[in-house]
Protein backbone atom coordinates (compact mmCIF):
# COMPACT_ATOMS: atom_id res chain seq x y z
CA MET A 1 0.00 0.00 0.00
CA ALA A 2 1.05 3.56 -0.63
CA HIS A 3 -0.17 7.10 -0.12
CA THR A 4 -0.41 8.44 -3.66
CA PRO A 5 -1.09 12.05 -4.68
CA VAL A 6 -4.41 12.16 -6.51
CA LEU A 7 -2.72 13.77 -9.53
CA ASP A 8 -0.51 10.65 -9.90
CA LEU A 9 -3.42 8.19 -10.07
CA ARG A 10 -3.78 6.09 -13.22
CA PRO A 11 -6.57 3.81 -14.47
CA GLY A 12 -6.26 0.39 -12.85
CA ASP A 13 -4.94 1.74 -9.53
CA GLN A 14 -6.95 0.52 -6.57
CA VAL A 15 -8.07 3.17 -4.10
CA ALA A 16 -9.31 2.59 -0.54
CA HIS A 17 -12.90 3.92 -0.58
CA LEU A 18 -15.94 3.20 1.61
CA GLY A 19 -14.17 0.42 3.51
CA GLY A 20 -13.07 -1.49 0.42
CA TRP A 21 -10.83 -1.30 -2.63
CA PHE A 22 -12.18 0.35 -5.76
CA THR A 23 -10.42 0.22 -9.15
CA LEU A 24 -10.01 3.55 -10.89
CA ALA A 25 -11.67 3.49 -14.33
CA ALA A 26 -10.24 6.72 -15.77
CA LEU A 27 -7.86 9.56 -15.01
CA PRO A 28 -9.17 12.03 -12.40
CA ALA A 29 -11.50 14.49 -14.13
CA VAL A 30 -11.18 18.21 -13.64
CA PRO A 31 -14.53 19.98 -13.18
CA PRO A 32 -14.99 23.48 -14.65
CA ARG A 33 -14.65 25.14 -11.23
CA GLY A 34 -13.43 24.40 -7.76
CA ASP A 35 -10.54 22.69 -6.07
CA ARG A 36 -11.75 19.10 -6.31
CA LEU A 37 -11.23 16.30 -8.82
CA ASN A 38 -13.83 13.69 -9.74
CA LEU A 39 -12.85 10.03 -9.54
CA CYS A 40 -14.77 7.37 -11.47
CA PHE A 41 -14.38 3.73 -10.48
CA VAL A 42 -15.07 0.52 -12.38
CA GLY A 43 -18.74 -0.32 -11.80
CA GLY A 44 -19.84 3.32 -11.79
CA ALA A 45 -19.06 4.49 -8.25
CA ARG A 46 -17.86 8.09 -8.08
CA THR A 47 -16.33 10.44 -5.55
CA SER A 48 -14.59 13.78 -5.48
CA VAL A 49 -11.39 14.68 -3.64
CA HIS A 50 -9.26 17.78 -3.17
CA TRP A 51 -6.65 18.08 -5.92
CA LEU A 52 -3.83 18.02 -3.33
CA ALA A 53 -5.14 14.90 -1.54
CA HIS A 54 -3.01 11.79 -0.97
CA LEU A 55 -5.04 8.56 -1.17
CA THR A 56 -4.27 5.06 0.11
CA THR A 57 -3.68 2.95 -3.00
CA ARG A 58 -2.38 -0.39 -4.18
CA LYS A 59 -1.62 -1.67 -7.66
CA GLU A 60 -4.22 -3.89 -9.32
CA GLY A 61 -3.80 -7.51 -8.34
CA SER A 62 -2.01 -6.78 -5.06
């Protein structure tokens, strides 16, 4: 496990979210305004995080 800056996330990275591991489906999306990025996970779950956040991650298959 690692603490990865949200700007370094790539599709396939697994992110700790809601008590489980969710696989990132796409690069973090930048909304038109604000200081948050939108994350989309495989299966359709979504969340938003501050663009300077560090998230607990692991590589797919770990």
